[in-house]
């Protein structure tokens, strides 16, 4: 998963065959551990190789094992949806006044 360009976050290239588009930029306002929830998922679900051992960590393997090859894509789509809804809810809350 990656953005087509560093500053173009309305599109995520999931893989060579799947592109997720029309992502509202406000979705990136929902922050988890210092970064947007969307970027956090993109980072956590990358295929990585441990330098010393050469062991490959591929989250797609787990998705295949449980019989749901769409798991990561569905998770990404859900996180986009939850992020937009959460930002809308938070923005709709009344402002607090501290005296």
PDB file of N, CA and C in Angstrom:
ATOM      1  N   UNK A   1       0.847  -1.177   0.000  1.00  0.00           N
ATOM      2  CA  UNK A   1       0.000   0.000   0.000  1.00  0.00           C
ATOM      3  C   UNK A   1       0.888   1.234   0.000  1.00  0.00           C
ATOM      4  N   UNK A   2       0.514   2.166  -0.851  1.00  0.00           N
ATOM      5  CA  UNK A   2       1.279   3.410  -0.893  1.00  0.00           C
ATOM      6  C   UNK A   2       0.450   4.496  -1.559  1.00  0.00           C
ATOM      7  N   UNK A   3       0.892   5.728  -1.339  1.00  0.00           N
ATOM      8  CA  UNK A   3       0.273   6.866  -2.015  1.00  0.00           C
ATOM      9  C   UNK A   3       0.949   7.025  -3.375  1.00  0.00           C
ATOM     10  N   UNK A   4       0.219   7.472  -4.407  1.00  0.00           N
ATOM     11  CA  UNK A   4       0.845   7.668  -5.720  1.00  0.00           C
ATOM     12  C   UNK A   4       1.982   8.688  -5.651  1.00  0.00           C
ATOM     13  N   UNK A   5       1.768   9.729  -4.855  1.00  0.00           N
ATOM     14  CA  UNK A   5       2.782  10.754  -4.610  1.00  0.00           C
ATOM     15  C   UNK A   5       2.756  11.054  -3.118  1.00  0.00           C
ATOM     16  N   UNK A   6       3.850  11.542  -2.598  1.00  0.00           N
ATOM     17  CA  UNK A   6       3.958  11.777  -1.161  1.00  0.00           C
ATOM     18  C   UNK A   6       2.845  12.678  -0.624  1.00  0.00           C
ATOM     19  N   UNK A   7       2.478  13.691  -1.371  1.00  0.00           N
ATOM     20  CA  UNK A   7       1.474  14.640  -0.898  1.00  0.00           C
ATOM     21  C   UNK A   7       0.080  14.389  -1.481  1.00  0.00           C
ATOM     22  N   UNK A   8      -0.133  13.264  -2.130  1.00  0.00           N
ATOM     23  CA  UNK A   8      -1.437  12.930  -2.710  1.00  0.00           C
ATOM     24  C   UNK A   8      -2.065  11.801  -1.889  1.00  0.00           C
ATOM     25  N   UNK A   9      -2.873  12.193  -0.903  1.00  0.00           N
ATOM     26  CA  UNK A   9      -3.416  11.210   0.017  1.00  0.00           C
ATOM     27  C   UNK A   9      -4.872  10.858  -0.242  1.00  0.00           C
ATOM     28  N   UNK A  10      -5.448  11.376  -1.315  1.00  0.00           N
ATOM     29  CA  UNK A  10      -6.830  11.026  -1.627  1.00  0.00           C
ATOM     30  C   UNK A  10      -6.916   9.699  -2.385  1.00  0.00           C
ATOM     31  N   UNK A  11      -5.754   9.127  -2.694  1.00  0.00           N
ATOM     32  CA  UNK A  11      -5.679   7.840  -3.404  1.00  0.00           C
ATOM     33  C   UNK A  11      -4.648   6.953  -2.704  1.00  0.00           C
ATOM     34  N   UNK A  12      -5.013   5.681  -2.542  1.00  0.00           N
ATOM     35  CA  UNK A  12      -4.065   4.686  -2.035  1.00  0.00           C
ATOM     36  C   UNK A  12      -3.974   3.576  -3.070  1.00  0.00           C
ATOM     37  N   UNK A  13      -2.770   3.288  -3.502  1.00  0.00           N
ATOM     38  CA  UNK A  13      -2.552   2.156  -4.405  1.00  0.00           C
ATOM     39  C   UNK A  13      -2.349   0.937  -3.512  1.00  0.00           C
ATOM     40  N   UNK A  14      -3.381   0.127  -3.423  1.00  0.00           N
ATOM     41  CA  UNK A  14      -3.357  -1.052  -2.557  1.00  0.00           C
ATOM     42  C   UNK A  14      -2.380  -2.097  -3.089  1.00  0.00           C
ATOM     43  N   UNK A  15      -2.456  -2.341  -4.371  1.00  0.00           N
ATOM     44  CA  UNK A  15      -1.503  -3.219  -5.063  1.00  0.00           C
ATOM     45  C   UNK A  15      -1.537  -2.850  -6.542  1.00  0.00           C
ATOM     46  N   UNK A  16      -0.955  -3.675  -7.385  1.00  0.00           N
ATOM     47  CA  UNK A  16      -0.916  -3.360  -8.816  1.00  0.00           C
ATOM     48  C   UNK A  16      -2.294  -3.376  -9.468  1.00  0.00           C
ATOM     49  N   UNK A  17      -3.251  -4.057  -8.843  1.00  0.00           N
ATOM     50  CA  UNK A  17      -4.579  -4.206  -9.440  1.00  0.00           C
ATOM     51  C   UNK A  17      -5.675  -3.390  -8.759  1.00  0.00           C
ATOM     52  N   UNK A  18      -5.443  -2.946  -7.526  1.00  0.00           N
ATOM     53  CA  UNK A  18      -6.490  -2.277  -6.751  1.00  0.00           C
ATOM     54  C   UNK A  18      -6.018  -0.898  -6.315  1.00  0.00           C
ATOM     55  N   UNK A  19      -6.848   0.105  -6.619  1.00  0.00           N
ATOM     56  CA  UNK A  19      -6.603   1.477  -6.185  1.00  0.00           C
ATOM     57  C   UNK A  19      -7.848   1.958  -5.457  1.00  0.00           C
ATOM     58  N   UNK A  20      -7.641   2.526  -4.268  1.00  0.00           N
ATOM     59  CA  UNK A  20      -8.739   3.102  -3.495  1.00  0.00           C
ATOM     60  C   UNK A  20      -8.666   4.608  -3.694  1.00  0.00           C
ATOM     61  N   UNK A  21      -9.762   5.204  -4.190  1.00  0.00           N
ATOM     62  CA  UNK A  21      -9.755   6.632  -4.481  1.00  0.00           C
ATOM     63  C   UNK A  21     -10.850   7.384  -3.759  1.00  0.00           C
ATOM     64  N   UNK A  22     -10.861   8.693  -3.987  1.00  0.00           N
ATOM     65  CA  UNK A  22     -11.853   9.590  -3.396  1.00  0.00           C
ATOM     66  C   UNK A  22     -11.846   9.546  -1.868  1.00  0.00           C
ATOM     67  N   UNK A  23     -10.668   9.396  -1.284  1.00  0.00           N
ATOM     68  CA  UNK A  23     -10.551   9.386   0.174  1.00  0.00           C
ATOM     69  C   UNK A  23     -10.593  10.844   0.648  1.00  0.00           C
ATOM     70  N   UNK A  24     -11.578  11.193   1.475  1.00  0.00           N
ATOM     71  CA  UNK A  24     -11.640  12.575   1.959  1.00  0.00           C
ATOM     72  C   UNK A  24     -10.421  12.894   2.825  1.00  0.00           C
ATOM     73  N   UNK A  25      -9.830  14.036   2.610  1.00  0.00           N
ATOM     74  CA  UNK A  25      -8.630  14.399   3.366  1.00  0.00           C
ATOM     75  C   UNK A  25      -8.907  14.535   4.854  1.00  0.00           C
ATOM     76  N   UNK A  26     -10.158  14.834   5.218  1.00  0.00           N
ATOM     77  CA  UNK A  26     -10.478  14.942   6.641  1.00  0.00           C
ATOM     78  C   UNK A  26     -10.318  13.596   7.353  1.00  0.00           C
ATOM     79  N   UNK A  27     -10.332  12.487   6.615  1.00  0.00           N
ATOM     80  CA  UNK A  27     -10.136  11.170   7.228  1.00  0.00           C
ATOM     81  C   UNK A  27      -8.777  11.078   7.910  1.00  0.00           C
ATOM     82  N   UNK A  28      -7.826  11.857   7.437  1.00  0.00           N
ATOM     83  CA  UNK A  28      -6.477  11.824   8.003  1.00  0.00           C
ATOM     84  C   UNK A  28      -6.362  12.631   9.299  1.00  0.00           C
ATOM     85  N   UNK A  29      -7.455  13.277   9.700  1.00  0.00           N
ATOM     86  CA  UNK A  29      -7.466  14.016  10.962  1.00  0.00           C
ATOM     87  C   UNK A  29      -7.648  13.096  12.161  1.00  0.00           C
ATOM     88  N   UNK A  30      -8.104  11.867  11.931  1.00  0.00           N
ATOM     89  CA  UNK A  30      -8.280  10.896  13.014  1.00  0.00           C
ATOM     90  C   UNK A  30      -6.911  10.268  13.292  1.00  0.00           C
ATOM     91  N   UNK A  31      -6.339  10.606  14.448  1.00  0.00           N
ATOM     92  CA  UNK A  31      -4.953  10.260  14.772  1.00  0.00           C
ATOM     93  C   UNK A  31      -4.893   9.106  15.778  1.00  0.00           C
ATOM     94  N   UNK A  32      -4.004   8.143  15.510  1.00  0.00           N
ATOM     95  CA  UNK A  32      -3.721   7.021  16.409  1.00  0.00           C
ATOM     96  C   UNK A  32      -2.203   6.928  16.554  1.00  0.00           C
ATOM     97  N   UNK A  33      -1.720   6.989  17.775  1.00  0.00           N
ATOM     98  CA  UNK A  33      -0.275   6.885  18.038  1.00  0.00           C
ATOM     99  C   UNK A  33       0.551   7.866  17.206  1.00  0.00           C
ATOM    100  N   UNK A  34       0.055   9.091  17.076  1.00  0.00           N
ATOM    101  CA  UNK A  34       0.827  10.141  16.422  1.00  0.00           C
ATOM    102  C   UNK A  34       0.713  10.211  14.907  1.00  0.00           C
ATOM    103  N   UNK A  35      -0.076   9.333  14.312  1.00  0.00           N
ATOM    104  CA  UNK A  35      -0.281   9.421  12.859  1.00  0.00           C
ATOM    105  C   UNK A  35      -1.718   9.049  12.555  1.00  0.00           C
ATOM    106  N   UNK A  36      -2.150   9.367  11.367  1.00  0.00           N
ATOM    107  CA  UNK A  36      -3.536   9.051  11.021  1.00  0.00           C
ATOM    108  C   UNK A  36      -3.748   7.541  11.077  1.00  0.00           C
ATOM    109  N   UNK A  37      -4.981   7.157  11.417  1.00  0.00           N
ATOM    110  CA  UNK A  37      -5.301   5.729  11.502  1.00  0.00           C
ATOM    111  C   UNK A  37      -5.054   5.036  10.168  1.00  0.00           C
ATOM    112  N   UNK A  38      -5.333   5.748   9.082  1.00  0.00           N
ATOM    113  CA  UNK A  38      -5.121   5.171   7.746  1.00  0.00           C
ATOM    114  C   UNK A  38      -3.642   4.880   7.523  1.00  0.00           C
ATOM    115  N   UNK A  39      -2.790   5.855   7.825  1.00  0.00           N
ATOM    116  CA  UNK A  39      -1.347   5.660   7.638  1.00  0.00           C
ATOM    117  C   UNK A  39      -0.795   4.622   8.609  1.00  0.00           C
ATOM    118  N   UNK A  40      -1.387   4.534   9.796  1.00  0.00           N
ATOM    119  CA  UNK A  40      -0.957   3.529  10.769  1.00  0.00           C
ATOM    120  C   UNK A  40      -1.228   2.132  10.208  1.00  0.00           C
ATOM    121  N   UNK A  41      -2.427   1.922   9.641  1.00  0.00           N
ATOM    122  CA  UNK A  41      -2.764   0.620   9.036  1.00  0.00           C
ATOM    123  C   UNK A  41      -1.843   0.330   7.853  1.00  0.00           C
ATOM    124  N   UNK A  42      -1.599   1.340   7.020  1.00  0.00           N
ATOM    125  CA  UNK A  42      -0.721   1.140   5.867  1.00  0.00           C
ATOM    126  C   UNK A  42       0.674   0.708   6.313  1.00  0.00           C
ATOM    127  N   UNK A  43       1.159   1.301   7.391  1.00  0.00           N
ATOM    128  CA  UNK A  43       2.489   0.967   7.891  1.00  0.00           C
ATOM    129  C   UNK A  43       2.522  -0.432   8.501  1.00  0.00           C
ATOM    130  N   UNK A  44       1.540  -0.756   9.307  1.00  0.00           N
ATOM    131  CA  UNK A  44       1.511  -2.044  10.017  1.00  0.00           C
ATOM    132  C   UNK A  44       1.301  -3.236   9.100  1.00  0.00           C
ATOM    133  N   UNK A  45       0.627  -3.039   7.987  1.00  0.00           N
ATOM    134  CA  UNK A  45       0.304  -4.155   7.109  1.00  0.00           C
ATOM    135  C   UNK A  45       1.184  -4.193   5.867  1.00  0.00           C
ATOM    136  N   UNK A  46       2.414  -3.757   5.997  1.00  0.00           N
ATOM    137  CA  UNK A  46       3.405  -3.857   4.921  1.00  0.00           C
ATOM    138  C   UNK A  46       4.110  -5.209   5.000  1.00  0.00           C
ATOM    139  N   UNK A  47       4.517  -5.714   3.874  1.00  0.00           N
ATOM    140  CA  UNK A  47       5.358  -6.906   3.842  1.00  0.00           C
ATOM    141  C   UNK A  47       6.766  -6.454   4.207  1.00  0.00           C
ATOM    142  N   UNK A  48       7.346  -7.079   5.226  1.00  0.00           N
ATOM    143  CA  UNK A  48       8.686  -6.702   5.678  1.00  0.00           C
ATOM    144  C   UNK A  48       9.586  -7.933   5.745  1.00  0.00           C
ATOM    145  N   UNK A  49      10.895  -7.682   5.660  1.00  0.00           N
ATOM    146  CA  UNK A  49      11.892  -8.742   5.786  1.00  0.00           C
ATOM    147  C   UNK A  49      12.868  -8.360   6.881  1.00  0.00           C
ATOM    148  N   UNK A  50      13.031  -9.252   7.857  1.00  0.00           N
ATOM    149  CA  UNK A  50      13.985  -9.024   8.936  1.00  0.00           C
ATOM    150  C   UNK A  50      15.398  -9.128   8.359  1.00  0.00           C
ATOM    151  N   UNK A  51      16.198  -8.084   8.552  1.00  0.00           N
ATOM    152  CA  UNK A  51      17.512  -8.016   7.899  1.00  0.00           C
ATOM    153  C   UNK A  51      18.438  -9.150   8.304  1.00  0.00           C
ATOM    154  N   UNK A  52      18.515  -9.454   9.594  1.00  0.00           N
ATOM    155  CA  UNK A  52      19.473 -10.455  10.062  1.00  0.00           C
ATOM    156  C   UNK A  52      19.065 -11.884   9.726  1.00  0.00           C
ATOM    157  N   UNK A  53      17.787 -12.203   9.915  1.00  0.00           N
ATOM    158  CA  UNK A  53      17.353 -13.583   9.713  1.00  0.00           C
ATOM    159  C   UNK A  53      16.817 -13.850   8.305  1.00  0.00           C
ATOM    160  N   UNK A  54      16.391 -12.786   7.627  1.00  0.00           N
ATOM    161  CA  UNK A  54      15.792 -12.967   6.313  1.00  0.00           C
ATOM    162  C   UNK A  54      14.353 -13.439   6.361  1.00  0.00           C
ATOM    163  N   UNK A  55      13.779 -13.490   7.577  1.00  0.00           N
ATOM    164  CA  UNK A  55      12.395 -13.933   7.723  1.00  0.00           C
ATOM    165  C   UNK A  55      11.460 -12.861   7.159  1.00  0.00           C
ATOM    166  N   UNK A  56      10.530 -13.303   6.341  1.00  0.00           N
ATOM    167  CA  UNK A  56       9.576 -12.395   5.702  1.00  0.00           C
ATOM    168  C   UNK A  56       8.283 -12.395   6.514  1.00  0.00           C
ATOM    169  N   UNK A  57       7.828 -11.216   6.889  1.00  0.00           N
ATOM    170  CA  UNK A  57       6.547 -11.062   7.574  1.00  0.00           C
ATOM    171  C   UNK A  57       5.558 -10.521   6.549  1.00  0.00           C
ATOM    172  N   UNK A  58       4.663 -11.382   6.112  1.00  0.00           N
ATOM    173  CA  UNK A  58       3.676 -11.007   5.109  1.00  0.00           C
ATOM    174  C   UNK A  58       2.280 -11.152   5.708  1.00  0.00           C
ATOM    175  N   UNK A  59       1.614 -10.033   6.041  1.00  0.00           N
ATOM    176  CA  UNK A  59       0.285 -10.108   6.633  1.00  0.00           C
ATOM    177  C   UNK A  59      -0.729 -10.805   5.728  1.00  0.00           C
ATOM    178  N   UNK A  60      -0.461 -10.858   4.441  1.00  0.00           N
ATOM    179  CA  UNK A  60      -1.360 -11.544   3.516  1.00  0.00           C
ATOM    180  C   UNK A  60      -1.412 -13.044   3.782  1.00  0.00           C
ATOM    181  N   UNK A  61      -0.333 -13.601   4.351  1.00  0.00           N
ATOM    182  CA  UNK A  61      -0.317 -15.032   4.666  1.00  0.00           C
ATOM    183  C   UNK A  61      -1.425 -15.387   5.654  1.00  0.00           C
ATOM    184  N   UNK A  62      -1.574 -14.550   6.698  1.00  0.00           N
ATOM    185  CA  UNK A  62      -2.617 -14.811   7.693  1.00  0.00           C
ATOM    186  C   UNK A  62      -3.991 -14.725   7.048  1.00  0.00           C
ATOM    187  N   UNK A  63      -4.194 -13.721   6.201  1.00  0.00           N
ATOM    188  CA  UNK A  63      -5.487 -13.550   5.534  1.00  0.00           C
ATOM    189  C   UNK A  63      -5.828 -14.782   4.692  1.00  0.00           C
ATOM    190  N   UNK A  64      -4.823 -15.348   4.044  1.00  0.00           N
ATOM    191  CA  UNK A  64      -5.041 -16.557   3.245  1.00  0.00           C
ATOM    192  C   UNK A  64      -5.351 -17.750   4.143  1.00  0.00           C
ATOM    193  N   UNK A  65      -4.644 -17.847   5.286  1.00  0.00           N
ATOM    194  CA  UNK A  65      -4.834 -18.973   6.201  1.00  0.00           C
ATOM    195  C   UNK A  65      -6.257 -19.029   6.746  1.00  0.00           C
ATOM    196  N   UNK A  66      -6.840 -17.880   7.024  1.00  0.00           N
ATOM    197  CA  UNK A  66      -8.194 -17.856   7.582  1.00  0.00           C
ATOM    198  C   UNK A  66      -9.264 -17.827   6.497  1.00  0.00           C
ATOM    199  N   UNK A  67      -8.847 -17.891   5.244  1.00  0.00           N
ATOM    200  CA  UNK A  67      -9.792 -17.971   4.138  1.00  0.00           C
ATOM    201  C   UNK A  67     -10.442 -16.647   3.765  1.00  0.00           C
ATOM    202  N   UNK A  68      -9.784 -15.546   4.099  1.00  0.00           N
ATOM    203  CA  UNK A  68     -10.333 -14.234   3.745  1.00  0.00           C
ATOM    204  C   UNK A  68      -9.241 -13.388   3.109  1.00  0.00           C
ATOM    205  N   UNK A  69      -8.953 -13.602   1.830  1.00  0.00           N
ATOM    206  CA  UNK A  69      -7.879 -12.853   1.184  1.00  0.00           C
ATOM    207  C   UNK A  69      -8.149 -11.356   1.091  1.00  0.00           C
ATOM    208  N   UNK A  70      -9.396 -10.921   1.313  1.00  0.00           N
ATOM    209  CA  UNK A  70      -9.744  -9.494   1.291  1.00  0.00           C
ATOM    210  C   UNK A  70      -9.583  -8.834   2.649  1.00  0.00           C
ATOM    211  N   UNK A  71      -9.143  -9.560   3.663  1.00  0.00           N
ATOM    212  CA  UNK A  71      -9.111  -9.043   5.032  1.00  0.00           C
ATOM    213  C   UNK A  71      -8.440  -7.672   5.131  1.00  0.00           C
ATOM    214  N   UNK A  72      -7.255  -7.521   4.608  1.00  0.00           N
ATOM    215  CA  UNK A  72      -6.512  -6.269   4.749  1.00  0.00           C
ATOM    216  C   UNK A  72      -7.189  -5.146   3.963  1.00  0.00           C
ATOM    217  N   UNK A  73      -7.672  -5.431   2.768  1.00  0.00           N
ATOM    218  CA  UNK A  73      -8.389  -4.422   1.993  1.00  0.00           C
ATOM    219  C   UNK A  73      -9.656  -3.992   2.729  1.00  0.00           C
ATOM    220  N   UNK A  74     -10.415  -4.962   3.240  1.00  0.00           N
ATOM    221  CA  UNK A  74     -11.631  -4.632   3.983  1.00  0.00           C
ATOM    222  C   UNK A  74     -11.308  -3.822   5.231  1.00  0.00           C
ATOM    223  N   UNK A  75     -10.212  -4.155   5.903  1.00  0.00           N
ATOM    224  CA  UNK A  75      -9.778  -3.405   7.078  1.00  0.00           C
ATOM    225  C   UNK A  75      -9.457  -1.961   6.703  1.00  0.00           C
ATOM    226  N   UNK A  76      -8.725  -1.767   5.626  1.00  0.00           N
ATOM    227  CA  UNK A  76      -8.388  -0.421   5.167  1.00  0.00           C
ATOM    228  C   UNK A  76      -9.652   0.380   4.857  1.00  0.00           C
ATOM    229  N   UNK A  77     -10.583  -0.212   4.134  1.00  0.00           N
ATOM    230  CA  UNK A  77     -11.826   0.474   3.794  1.00  0.00           C
ATOM    231  C   UNK A  77     -12.629   0.822   5.049  1.00  0.00           C
ATOM    232  N   UNK A  78     -12.634  -0.081   6.017  1.00  0.00           N
ATOM    233  CA  UNK A  78     -13.335   0.182   7.278  1.00  0.00           C
ATOM    234  C   UNK A  78     -12.684   1.322   8.045  1.00  0.00           C
ATOM    235  N   UNK A  79     -11.367   1.344   8.078  1.00  0.00           N
ATOM    236  CA  UNK A  79     -10.646   2.405   8.791  1.00  0.00           C
ATOM    237  C   UNK A  79     -10.904   3.756   8.138  1.00  0.00           C
ATOM    238  N   UNK A  80     -10.966   3.793   6.825  1.00  0.00           N
ATOM    239  CA  UNK A  80     -11.288   5.053   6.129  1.00  0.00           C
ATOM    240  C   UNK A  80     -12.679   5.523   6.554  1.00  0.00           C
ATOM    241  N   UNK A  81     -13.640   4.620   6.548  1.00  0.00           N
ATOM    242  CA  UNK A  81     -15.013   4.942   6.932  1.00  0.00           C
ATOM    243  C   UNK A  81     -15.094   5.408   8.389  1.00  0.00           C
ATOM    244  N   UNK A  82     -14.493   4.661   9.296  1.00  0.00           N
ATOM    245  CA  UNK A  82     -14.510   5.019  10.716  1.00  0.00           C
ATOM    246  C   UNK A  82     -13.824   6.366  10.940  1.00  0.00           C
ATOM    247  N   UNK A  83     -12.746   6.614  10.241  1.00  0.00           N
ATOM    248  CA  UNK A  83     -12.023   7.877  10.390  1.00  0.00           C
ATOM    249  C   UNK A  83     -12.900   9.062  10.000  1.00  0.00           C
ATOM    250  N   UNK A  84     -13.571   8.963   8.859  1.00  0.00           N
ATOM    251  CA  UNK A  84     -14.441  10.048   8.401  1.00  0.00           C
ATOM    252  C   UNK A  84     -15.583  10.262   9.399  1.00  0.00           C
ATOM    253  N   UNK A  85     -16.212   9.187   9.830  1.00  0.00           N
ATOM    254  CA  UNK A  85     -17.328   9.309  10.764  1.00  0.00           C
ATOM    255  C   UNK A  85     -16.884   9.879  12.109  1.00  0.00           C
ATOM    256  N   UNK A  86     -15.727   9.457  12.592  1.00  0.00           N
ATOM    257  CA  UNK A  86     -15.222   9.953  13.871  1.00  0.00           C
ATOM    258  C   UNK A  86     -14.922  11.439  13.799  1.00  0.00           C
ATOM    259  N   UNK A  87     -14.280  11.869  12.730  1.00  0.00           N
ATOM    260  CA  UNK A  87     -13.976  13.298  12.559  1.00  0.00           C
ATOM    261  C   UNK A  87     -15.273  14.102  12.512  1.00  0.00           C
ATOM    262  N   UNK A  88     -16.291  13.597  11.801  1.00  0.00           N
ATOM    263  CA  UNK A  88     -17.577  14.294  11.743  1.00  0.00           C
ATOM    264  C   UNK A  88     -18.212  14.401  13.132  1.00  0.00           C
ATOM    265  N   UNK A  89     -18.175  13.323  13.898  1.00  0.00           N
ATOM    266  CA  UNK A  89     -18.757  13.333  15.246  1.00  0.00           C
ATOM    267  C   UNK A  89     -18.009  14.310  16.143  1.00  0.00           C
ATOM    268  N   UNK A  90     -16.703  14.232  16.144  1.00  0.00           N
ATOM    269  CA  UNK A  90     -15.894  15.117  16.997  1.00  0.00           C
ATOM    270  C   UNK A  90     -16.114  16.576  16.615  1.00  0.00           C
ATOM    271  N   UNK A  91     -16.152  16.869  15.330  1.00  0.00           N
ATOM    272  CA  UNK A  91     -16.375  18.245  14.888  1.00  0.00           C
ATOM    273  C   UNK A  91     -17.772  18.744  15.238  1.00  0.00           C
ATOM    274  N   UNK A  92     -18.727  17.838  15.413  1.00  0.00           N
ATOM    275  CA  UNK A  92     -20.097  18.204  15.763  1.00  0.00           C
ATOM    276  C   UNK A  92     -20.325  18.388  17.251  1.00  0.00           C
ATOM    277  N   UNK A  93     -19.340  18.026  18.069  1.00  0.00           N
ATOM    278  CA  UNK A  93     -19.493  18.178  19.518  1.00  0.00           C
ATOM    279  C   UNK A  93     -19.436  19.650  19.899  1.00  0.00           C
ATOM    280  N   UNK A  94     -20.164  20.035  20.942  1.00  0.00           N
ATOM    281  CA  UNK A  94     -20.106  21.436  21.381  1.00  0.00           C
ATOM    282  C   UNK A  94     -18.722  21.749  21.957  1.00  0.00           C
ATOM    283  N   UNK A  95     -18.327  22.987  21.789  1.00  0.00           N
ATOM    284  CA  UNK A  95     -17.042  23.445  22.315  1.00  0.00           C
ATOM    285  C   UNK A  95     -17.141  23.582  23.828  1.00  0.00           C
ATOM    286  N   UNK A  96     -16.118  23.155  24.521  1.00  0.00           N
ATOM    287  CA  UNK A  96     -16.084  23.277  25.981  1.00  0.00           C
ATOM    288  C   UNK A  96     -15.417  24.578  26.376  1.00  0.00           C
ATOM    289  N   UNK A  97     -15.948  25.168  27.410  1.00  0.00           N
ATOM    290  CA  UNK A  97     -15.357  26.394  27.955  1.00  0.00           C
ATOM    291  C   UNK A  97     -14.773  26.068  29.310  1.00  0.00           C
ATOM    292  N   UNK A  98     -13.518  26.388  29.485  1.00  0.00           N
ATOM    293  CA  UNK A  98     -12.850  26.170  30.750  1.00  0.00           C
ATOM    294  C   UNK A  98     -12.679  27.506  31.462  1.00  0.00           C
ATOM    295  N   UNK A  99     -13.172  27.582  32.691  1.00  0.00           N
ATOM    296  CA  UNK A  99     -13.052  28.820  33.450  1.00  0.00           C
ATOM    297  C   UNK A  99     -11.937  28.732  34.479  1.00  0.00           C
TER     298      UNK A  99
END
